[in-house]
Amino acid sequence: MAKLSFKEQLKEKDRQIELLHAISRIVVETRDLEDLLQKFSDMIVRELEADSTLIYLHDQAGENLVLCGSHNPHPRQLGQITLKVGEGITGWVAEKMQPVAISKNAFRDPRFKFFNKLEEDRYEAFLSVPIAAKDKLIGVLNVQHRKAHVHDETELALARTIANEIAGAIEHAQLFDQTRKQSLQIGALARMSQSIAQGIYLQEILQLIVKMTAEMMESQICSLMLLDKKGQELKIEATQSLSDTYRSKPPVKVTGSVSGRAILTRKPVVVRDVTIDPQYMYPDIARKENLKSMLIVPMITKEKPIGVINCYTSRTHDFTPGEVELIQAVANQAAIAIEHTQAIEKAMEAQEALESRKIIERAKGIIMRRQGLSEDSAFRLLQRQAMDRRKSMKEIAEAVILSEDIQKTKNNS
């Protein structure tokens, strides 16, 4: 390859300086990771005169590369397409931390992996460069051309420069995003604890839990399901979803369902794609509601499971150990709150039943005295009138007592 002249070298240096300025402007103007990747993708296509750019990021679990940015926006594919490290050309580049440049027929390379959803799979030329910061893999940058294209040394150097420069910006944006989420989660947990301590009614508590859990996890849908008395089915008791389709979803059997798996094992369960998992009972609803990954965490009190909390995402998501621990903490808190509020409600019901019984006993005595009936007959009379008038026995008894009080007032005046 011919050596660049001094003038050409100066021109190339100027180009690199301008590129660095462009990257700096994007970093200064953009904090959101998704927007940052979009702007980087557009810039790379422009600078390298390519037809397509795909940016894959290394997930927090360290196992997969997830498509997170693209010049030709693929809103349905971003976050959905993943590769294992070592899988495909992209995975090979991530594993070896070395670039790959293929001038034509890239799809015939034995390392190539097809994704039918990506039109770029049929492009001729393929340049893949690792995105790394301090020898730590951040992701992989893929640059593609529809027609055969020879990547010269200048272009390769430019691609490496771009990858090196955007690595730090992406890492910083990821840390910022992580810090923001943690701050949001801590605040939501504090509000949840305070509200639960002040709560009285169970339904209020459950609705609060799902609302704040969805907020903490930035979840598409969050739901709380409780076991029936027989322990055989799980039914949705609360969800922040506005979808009638999801809200009216029938109960699921514990045996043979993904939510039931969390009950039976008493451990969190992660489903990477609910639309294809054989144990997920309603894949059609999942597709309609754009649900993808799912985290199910059991609620356990006194070593007995009472239900689960479900968190869904709209994109394929690998839940981190930290996220699982967070929702498990919420589930533990929820289990205690449910047990506490159920105990309060039972006590209130018992108190109300006692009050009702006192009122009925008093009314029964009035009827016995007025009509000369036995205790049994007086009770049956109250019962029959309650059925005929479609009112509770307490309401009929109160009417009898009121009538008696009015009569006494008349007699005394």
Protein backbone atom coordinates (compact mmCIF):
# COMPACT_ATOMS: atom_id res chain seq x y z
CA MET A 1 0.00 0.00 0.00
CA ALA A 2 1.38 3.40 -1.03
CA LYS A 3 2.65 5.61 1.75
CA LEU A 4 0.70 8.82 2.29
CA SER A 5 2.39 12.03 1.19
CA PHE A 6 3.13 14.70 3.81
CA LYS A 7 0.19 16.76 2.55
CA GLU A 8 -2.13 13.75 2.76
CA GLN A 9 -0.88 12.98 6.27
CA LEU A 10 -1.67 16.57 7.35
CA LYS A 11 -5.10 16.27 5.80
CA GLU A 12 -5.70 13.02 7.66
CA LYS A 13 -4.59 14.59 10.94
CA ASP A 14 -7.01 17.48 10.38
CA ARG A 15 -9.76 14.97 9.73
CA GLN A 16 -9.01 13.12 12.97
CA ILE A 17 -8.98 16.39 14.94
CA GLU A 18 -12.34 17.36 13.46
CA LEU A 19 -13.63 13.90 14.32
CA LEU A 20 -12.53 14.31 17.95
CA HIS A 21 -14.28 17.67 18.07
CA ALA A 22 -17.46 16.06 16.70
CA ILE A 23 -17.31 13.31 19.35
CA SER A 24 -16.73 15.93 22.08
CA ARG A 25 -19.74 17.95 20.94
CA ILE A 26 -21.96 14.88 21.05
CA VAL A 27 -20.72 13.95 24.54
CA VAL A 28 -21.29 17.48 25.88
CA GLU A 29 -24.78 17.74 24.38
CA THR A 30 -26.01 14.24 25.25
CA ARG A 31 -26.32 12.37 28.53
CA ASP A 32 -28.93 9.76 27.67
CA LEU A 33 -27.20 6.54 26.58
CA GLU A 34 -29.72 5.70 23.85
CA ASP A 35 -29.46 9.16 22.27
CA LEU A 36 -25.67 9.05 22.58
CA LEU A 37 -25.46 5.76 20.64
CA GLN A 38 -27.82 7.10 17.98
CA LYS A 39 -25.72 10.21 17.43
CA PHE A 40 -22.49 8.23 17.39
CA SER A 41 -23.99 5.82 14.82
CA ASP A 42 -25.03 8.69 12.53
CA MET A 43 -21.62 10.34 12.86
CA ILE A 44 -19.71 7.13 12.09
CA VAL A 45 -21.69 6.48 8.91
CA ARG A 46 -21.00 10.03 7.81
CA GLU A 47 -17.27 9.98 8.64
CA LEU A 48 -16.56 6.56 7.14
CA GLU A 49 -18.97 7.01 4.21
CA ALA A 50 -20.64 3.73 5.09
CA ASP A 51 -24.18 2.48 4.53
CA SER A 52 -24.82 1.13 8.00
CA THR A 53 -23.44 1.19 11.53
CA LEU A 54 -24.39 -1.16 14.36
CA ILE A 55 -23.16 -0.69 17.93
CA TYR A 56 -23.31 -3.67 20.27
CA LEU A 57 -22.75 -3.21 24.02
CA HIS A 58 -21.39 -5.75 26.45
CA ASP A 59 -24.12 -6.48 29.01
CA GLN A 60 -23.57 -6.14 32.75
CA ALA A 61 -23.65 -9.89 33.24
CA GLY A 62 -20.63 -10.11 30.92
CA GLU A 63 -22.03 -12.88 28.72
CA ASN A 64 -23.82 -11.19 25.82
CA LEU A 65 -23.47 -8.42 23.27
CA VAL A 66 -26.71 -6.51 22.80
CA LEU A 67 -27.57 -4.37 19.76
CA CYS A 68 -28.10 -0.93 21.29
CA GLY A 69 -27.36 1.55 18.49
CA SER A 70 -27.82 1.76 14.72
CA HIS A 71 -27.59 4.38 11.99
CA ASN A 72 -30.62 3.01 10.19
CA PRO A 73 -32.93 2.99 13.23
CA HIS A 74 -34.28 -0.43 14.10
CA PRO A 75 -36.58 0.43 17.01
CA ARG A 76 -37.96 -3.10 17.15
CA GLN A 77 -34.51 -4.71 17.00
CA LEU A 78 -32.60 -2.47 19.40
CA GLY A 79 -32.25 -4.38 22.63
CA GLN A 80 -33.70 -7.51 21.01
CA ILE A 81 -30.75 -8.89 19.06
CA THR A 82 -28.04 -10.46 21.19
CA LEU A 83 -24.89 -12.48 20.61
CA LYS A 84 -22.79 -14.50 22.99
CA VAL A 85 -19.18 -13.37 23.27
CA GLY A 86 -17.43 -15.54 20.68
CA GLU A 87 -20.56 -15.93 18.52
CA GLY A 88 -20.52 -14.56 14.97
CA ILE A 89 -17.92 -12.10 13.68
CA THR A 90 -19.06 -9.56 16.26
CA GLY A 91 -18.62 -12.07 19.09
CA TRP A 92 -15.23 -13.12 17.71
CA VAL A 93 -14.03 -9.49 17.72
CA ALA A 94 -15.26 -9.11 21.32
CA GLU A 95 -13.53 -12.29 22.44
CA LYS A 96 -10.21 -11.68 20.66
CA MET A 97 -10.28 -7.88 21.07
CA GLN A 98 -9.07 -7.63 17.46
CA PRO A 99 -10.64 -5.91 14.42
CA VAL A 100 -11.96 -7.78 11.39
CA ALA A 101 -12.15 -6.24 7.89
CA ILE A 102 -13.87 -8.10 5.03
CA SER A 103 -14.06 -6.37 1.65
CA LYS A 104 -16.76 -8.55 -0.01
CA ASN A 105 -19.12 -11.49 0.60
CA ALA A 106 -18.95 -10.91 4.35
CA PHE A 107 -21.96 -13.16 4.88
CA ARG A 108 -19.93 -16.10 3.56
CA ASP A 109 -17.36 -15.84 6.31
CA PRO A 110 -17.69 -19.02 8.47
CA ARG A 111 -17.90 -16.85 11.59
CA PHE A 112 -20.84 -14.83 10.25
CA LYS A 113 -24.21 -15.19 12.00
CA PHE A 114 -27.45 -14.31 10.21
CA PHE A 115 -30.31 -12.37 11.76
CA ASN A 116 -33.28 -12.41 9.40
CA LYS A 117 -34.55 -9.17 10.94
CA LEU A 118 -31.45 -7.23 9.87
CA GLU A 119 -31.24 -6.10 6.27
CA GLU A 120 -27.54 -5.41 6.85
CA ASP A 121 -26.86 -9.15 6.92
CA ARG A 122 -26.78 -9.02 3.11
CA TYR A 123 -24.25 -6.18 2.84
CA GLU A 124 -20.99 -7.02 1.09
CA ALA A 125 -18.27 -5.30 3.12
CA PHE A 126 -17.93 -5.61 6.89
CA LEU A 127 -15.60 -3.85 9.32
CA SER A 128 -15.82 -4.77 12.99
CA VAL A 129 -13.78 -3.06 15.71
CA PRO A 130 -13.76 -3.66 19.49
CA ILE A 131 -14.86 -0.76 21.70
CA ALA A 132 -12.69 -0.92 24.81
CA ALA A 133 -11.57 1.33 27.66
CA LYS A 134 -8.43 0.41 29.62
CA ASP A 135 -8.51 -3.13 28.19
CA LYS A 136 -12.12 -3.51 29.38
CA LEU A 137 -14.58 -4.53 26.67
CA ILE A 138 -17.40 -2.01 26.30
CA GLY A 139 -18.83 -3.33 23.04
CA VAL A 140 -18.26 -3.75 19.31
CA LEU A 141 -18.63 -1.31 16.43
CA ASN A 142 -19.71 -2.73 13.05
CA VAL A 143 -19.44 -0.64 9.87
CA GLN A 144 -20.99 -2.02 6.67
CA HIS A 145 -21.18 -1.24 2.96
CA ARG A 146 -23.80 -2.54 0.55
CA LYS A 147 -21.21 -3.00 -2.19
CA ALA A 148 -17.70 -4.47 -2.08
CA HIS A 149 -15.35 -2.06 -0.34
CA VAL A 150 -11.64 -2.25 0.49
CA HIS A 151 -10.84 -0.87 3.93
CA ASP A 152 -7.50 0.90 3.61
CA GLU A 153 -5.11 1.64 6.46
CA THR A 154 -6.48 5.16 6.85
CA GLU A 155 -10.04 3.90 7.26
CA LEU A 156 -8.98 1.18 9.70
CA ALA A 157 -7.04 3.72 11.76
CA LEU A 158 -10.02 6.07 11.76
CA ALA A 159 -12.40 3.29 12.88
CA ARG A 160 -10.02 2.37 15.73
CA THR A 161 -9.77 6.02 16.75
CA ILE A 162 -13.55 6.35 16.81
CA ALA A 163 -13.94 3.15 18.83
CA ASN A 164 -11.32 4.26 21.36
CA GLU A 165 -12.79 7.74 21.74
CA ILE A 166 -16.42 6.71 22.12
CA ALA A 167 -15.55 3.93 24.60
CA GLY A 168 -15.02 6.33 27.48
CA ALA A 169 -18.13 8.33 26.60
CA ILE A 170 -20.27 5.19 26.50
CA GLU A 171 -18.84 3.92 29.78
CA HIS A 172 -19.50 7.29 31.41
CA ALA A 173 -23.09 7.34 30.08
CA GLN A 174 -23.63 3.80 31.38
CA LEU A 175 -22.37 4.80 34.83
CA PHE A 176 -24.56 7.91 34.79
CA ASP A 177 -27.57 5.80 33.79
CA GLN A 178 -26.77 3.24 36.49
CA THR A 179 -26.38 5.95 39.15
CA ARG A 180 -29.64 7.57 38.08
CA LYS A 181 -31.45 4.24 38.33
CA GLN A 182 -29.96 3.49 41.75
CA SER A 183 -30.99 6.92 43.01
CA LEU A 184 -34.49 6.34 41.66
CA GLN A 185 -34.63 2.91 43.29
CA ILE A 186 -33.45 4.13 46.71
CA GLY A 187 -35.98 6.97 46.65
CA ALA A 188 -38.81 4.66 45.60
CA LEU A 189 -37.89 2.11 48.28
CA ALA A 190 -37.92 4.82 50.95
CA ARG A 191 -41.33 6.09 49.80
CA MET A 192 -42.65 2.55 49.64
CA SER A 193 -41.52 1.78 53.21
CA GLN A 194 -43.07 4.98 54.52
CA SER A 195 -46.35 4.44 52.68
CA ILE A 196 -46.61 0.79 53.71
CA ALA A 197 -46.13 1.79 57.36
CA GLN A 198 -49.05 4.21 57.02
CA GLY A 199 -51.28 1.93 54.93
CA ILE A 200 -54.46 0.30 56.18
CA TYR A 201 -56.20 -1.48 53.32
CA LEU A 202 -54.59 -4.37 51.48
CA GLN A 203 -55.58 -3.28 47.97
CA GLU A 204 -54.01 0.14 48.54
CA ILE A 205 -50.77 -1.53 49.67
CA LEU A 206 -50.63 -3.91 46.68
CA GLN A 207 -51.27 -1.13 44.18
CA LEU A 208 -48.56 0.99 45.77
CA ILE A 209 -46.06 -1.88 45.59
CA VAL A 210 -46.55 -2.56 41.85
CA LYS A 211 -46.53 1.13 40.97
CA MET A 212 -43.26 1.84 42.75
CA THR A 213 -41.63 -1.41 41.61
CA ALA A 214 -42.39 -0.54 37.98
CA GLU A 215 -40.94 2.92 38.62
CA MET A 216 -37.75 1.50 40.17
CA MET A 217 -37.16 -1.03 37.39
CA GLU A 218 -38.49 1.15 34.57
CA SER A 219 -40.63 -1.87 33.82
CA GLN A 220 -43.18 -2.08 30.99
CA ILE A 221 -45.59 -3.94 33.25
CA CYS A 222 -45.34 -4.96 36.89
CA SER A 223 -47.91 -7.19 38.54
CA LEU A 224 -48.44 -8.81 41.90
CA MET A 225 -50.12 -12.22 42.01
CA LEU A 226 -51.40 -13.96 45.14
CA LEU A 227 -51.96 -17.66 45.72
CA ASP A 228 -55.51 -18.86 46.16
CA LYS A 229 -56.54 -20.57 49.41
CA LYS A 230 -55.80 -24.00 47.96
CA GLY A 231 -52.34 -22.92 46.80
CA GLN A 232 -53.01 -24.14 43.26
CA GLU A 233 -53.49 -20.91 41.26
CA LEU A 234 -51.98 -17.45 41.08
CA LYS A 235 -54.28 -14.52 40.34
CA ILE A 236 -53.36 -10.91 39.50
CA GLU A 237 -54.31 -8.76 42.48
CA ALA A 238 -52.58 -5.53 41.41
CA THR A 239 -50.85 -4.08 38.36
CA GLN A 240 -49.91 -0.61 37.19
CA SER A 241 -50.75 -1.61 33.59
CA LEU A 242 -53.65 0.26 31.98
CA SER A 243 -54.22 -2.58 29.52
CA ASP A 244 -57.59 -4.30 29.99
CA THR A 245 -56.19 -7.32 28.14
CA TYR A 246 -53.44 -7.80 30.70
CA ARG A 247 -55.59 -6.87 33.70
CA SER A 248 -58.20 -9.46 32.76
CA LYS A 249 -55.63 -12.21 32.19
CA PRO A 250 -56.98 -15.43 33.77
CA PRO A 251 -55.30 -17.01 36.82
CA VAL A 252 -52.38 -19.35 36.10
CA LYS A 253 -51.80 -22.78 37.57
CA VAL A 254 -48.83 -23.11 39.88
CA THR A 255 -47.87 -26.37 38.23
CA GLY A 256 -46.48 -25.84 34.74
CA SER A 257 -46.25 -22.02 34.74
CA VAL A 258 -43.21 -19.73 35.01
CA SER A 259 -44.74 -17.82 37.93
CA GLY A 260 -45.53 -21.13 39.59
CA ARG A 261 -41.90 -22.16 39.15
CA ALA A 262 -40.88 -19.30 41.47
CA ILE A 263 -43.45 -20.53 44.02
CA LEU A 264 -42.31 -24.16 43.86
CA THR A 265 -38.56 -23.42 43.96
CA ARG A 266 -38.97 -20.40 46.27
CA LYS A 267 -36.32 -18.67 44.16
CA PRO A 268 -36.38 -15.85 41.56
CA VAL A 269 -36.96 -16.97 37.97
CA VAL A 270 -35.77 -15.09 34.87
CA VAL A 271 -37.38 -15.63 31.46
CA ARG A 272 -35.40 -14.04 28.65
CA ASP A 273 -38.24 -14.12 26.12
CA VAL A 274 -41.79 -14.82 27.31
CA THR A 275 -43.07 -15.05 23.74
CA ILE A 276 -41.21 -18.33 23.19
CA ASP A 277 -40.91 -19.85 26.67
CA PRO A 278 -43.00 -23.06 26.69
CA GLN A 279 -44.12 -22.49 30.31
CA TYR A 280 -45.39 -18.96 29.74
CA MET A 281 -49.15 -19.39 29.52
CA TYR A 282 -50.16 -16.35 27.45
CA PRO A 283 -47.59 -15.61 24.68
CA ASP A 284 -50.27 -13.94 22.49
CA ILE A 285 -50.96 -11.38 25.22
CA ALA A 286 -47.20 -10.86 25.62
CA ARG A 287 -46.82 -10.11 21.89
CA LYS A 288 -49.81 -7.78 21.89
CA GLU A 289 -48.51 -5.88 24.94
CA ASN A 290 -44.91 -5.86 23.59
CA LEU A 291 -43.53 -7.85 26.55
CA LYS A 292 -40.17 -9.56 26.24
CA SER A 293 -38.10 -10.44 29.32
CA MET A 294 -39.55 -11.24 32.72
CA LEU A 295 -38.35 -11.46 36.31
CA ILE A 296 -40.51 -13.40 38.78
CA VAL A 297 -39.71 -13.13 42.49
CA PRO A 298 -41.58 -15.11 45.18
CA MET A 299 -43.12 -13.42 48.22
CA ILE A 300 -42.51 -15.59 51.27
CA THR A 301 -43.65 -15.11 54.84
CA LYS A 302 -42.91 -17.52 57.70
CA GLU A 303 -41.27 -19.84 55.15
CA LYS A 304 -44.54 -20.05 53.24
CA PRO A 305 -44.93 -18.60 49.70
CA ILE A 306 -47.98 -16.37 49.32
CA GLY A 307 -47.50 -14.98 45.81
CA VAL A 308 -45.09 -13.44 43.30
CA ILE A 309 -44.05 -10.09 41.89
CA ASN A 310 -43.60 -10.04 38.10
CA CYS A 311 -41.55 -7.43 36.23
CA TYR A 312 -41.63 -7.27 32.42
CA THR A 313 -39.43 -5.36 29.97
CA SER A 314 -40.29 -4.33 26.42
CA ARG A 315 -36.82 -5.36 25.19
CA THR A 316 -34.68 -8.43 25.78
CA HIS A 317 -33.00 -7.77 29.11
CA ASP A 318 -30.51 -9.73 31.18
CA PHE A 319 -31.48 -8.96 34.77
CA THR A 320 -28.37 -8.30 36.85
CA PRO A 321 -27.83 -9.86 40.29
CA GLY A 322 -28.34 -6.36 41.74
CA GLU A 323 -31.74 -6.02 40.04
CA VAL A 324 -32.82 -9.46 41.25
CA GLU A 325 -31.71 -8.62 44.81
CA LEU A 326 -33.61 -5.32 44.66
CA ILE A 327 -36.91 -6.94 43.64
CA GLN A 328 -36.36 -9.72 46.18
CA ALA A 329 -36.05 -7.01 48.86
CA VAL A 330 -39.30 -5.48 47.60
CA ALA A 331 -40.96 -8.91 47.63
CA ASN A 332 -39.82 -9.54 51.22
CA GLN A 333 -41.19 -6.16 52.26
CA ALA A 334 -44.41 -6.82 50.35
CA ALA A 335 -44.88 -10.20 52.05
CA ILE A 336 -44.58 -8.60 55.50
CA ALA A 337 -46.94 -5.77 54.49
CA ILE A 338 -49.50 -8.22 53.12
CA GLU A 339 -49.36 -10.35 56.26
CA HIS A 340 -49.66 -7.24 58.45
CA THR A 341 -52.58 -5.69 56.54
CA GLN A 342 -54.40 -9.02 56.32
CA ALA A 343 -54.08 -9.36 60.08
CA ILE A 344 -55.46 -5.83 60.54
CA GLU A 345 -58.33 -6.50 58.14
CA LYS A 346 -59.18 -9.76 59.91
CA ALA A 347 -59.17 -7.96 63.25
CA MET A 348 -61.41 -5.22 61.82
CA GLU A 349 -63.73 -7.86 60.33
CA ALA A 350 -63.86 -9.65 63.67
CA GLN A 351 -64.64 -6.38 65.44
CA GLU A 352 -67.32 -5.56 62.88
CA ALA A 353 -68.78 -9.05 63.21
CA LEU A 354 -68.90 -8.64 66.98
CA GLU A 355 -70.67 -5.27 66.64
CA SER A 356 -73.14 -6.76 64.15
CA ARG A 357 -73.83 -9.65 66.46
CA LYS A 358 -74.58 -7.27 69.38
CA ILE A 359 -77.02 -5.28 67.20
CA ILE A 360 -78.75 -8.45 65.95
CA GLU A 361 -79.01 -9.81 69.50
CA ARG A 362 -80.63 -6.56 70.66
CA ALA A 363 -83.09 -6.54 67.74
CA LYS A 364 -83.89 -10.19 68.36
CA GLY A 365 -84.78 -9.38 71.98
CA ILE A 366 -87.11 -6.58 70.85
CA ILE A 367 -88.93 -8.90 68.43
CA MET A 368 -89.23 -11.64 71.08
CA ARG A 369 -90.79 -9.17 73.52
CA ARG A 370 -93.08 -7.50 70.95
CA GLN A 371 -94.35 -10.61 69.20
CA GLY A 372 -93.89 -13.26 71.87
CA LEU A 373 -91.59 -15.32 69.67
CA SER A 374 -88.90 -17.74 70.70
CA GLU A 375 -85.24 -16.81 70.19
CA ASP A 376 -85.03 -19.14 67.19
CA SER A 377 -88.18 -17.76 65.58
CA ALA A 378 -87.07 -14.15 66.10
CA PHE A 379 -83.74 -14.90 64.45
CA ARG A 380 -85.45 -16.59 61.45
CA LEU A 381 -87.77 -13.58 61.10
CA LEU A 382 -84.79 -11.22 60.89
CA GLN A 383 -83.12 -13.57 58.42
CA ARG A 384 -86.22 -13.80 56.20
CA GLN A 385 -86.72 -10.03 56.11
CA ALA A 386 -83.06 -9.54 55.19
CA MET A 387 -83.42 -11.96 52.27
CA ASP A 388 -86.75 -10.47 51.11
CA ARG A 389 -85.42 -6.91 51.18
CA ARG A 390 -81.93 -7.85 49.94
CA LYS A 391 -80.26 -6.23 52.89
CA SER A 392 -77.88 -7.48 55.54
CA MET A 393 -79.25 -8.77 58.86
CA LYS A 394 -77.39 -5.94 60.56
CA GLU A 395 -79.32 -3.36 58.50
CA ILE A 396 -82.68 -5.01 59.33
CA ALA A 397 -81.68 -5.20 63.01
CA GLU A 398 -80.75 -1.50 63.04
CA ALA A 399 -84.18 -0.67 61.56
CA VAL A 400 -85.89 -2.69 64.33
CA ILE A 401 -83.85 -0.88 67.02
CA LEU A 402 -84.59 2.51 65.45
CA SER A 403 -88.29 1.72 65.41
CA GLU A 404 -88.12 0.74 69.09
CA ASP A 405 -86.29 3.97 70.00
CA ILE A 406 -88.88 6.07 68.14
CA GLN A 407 -91.73 4.31 69.92
CA LYS A 408 -90.09 4.91 73.31
CA THR A 409 -89.65 8.61 72.49
CA LYS A 410 -93.36 8.88 71.58
CA ASN A 411 -94.39 7.12 74.79
CA ASN A 412 -92.27 9.46 76.90
CA SER A 413 -93.54 12.67 75.32
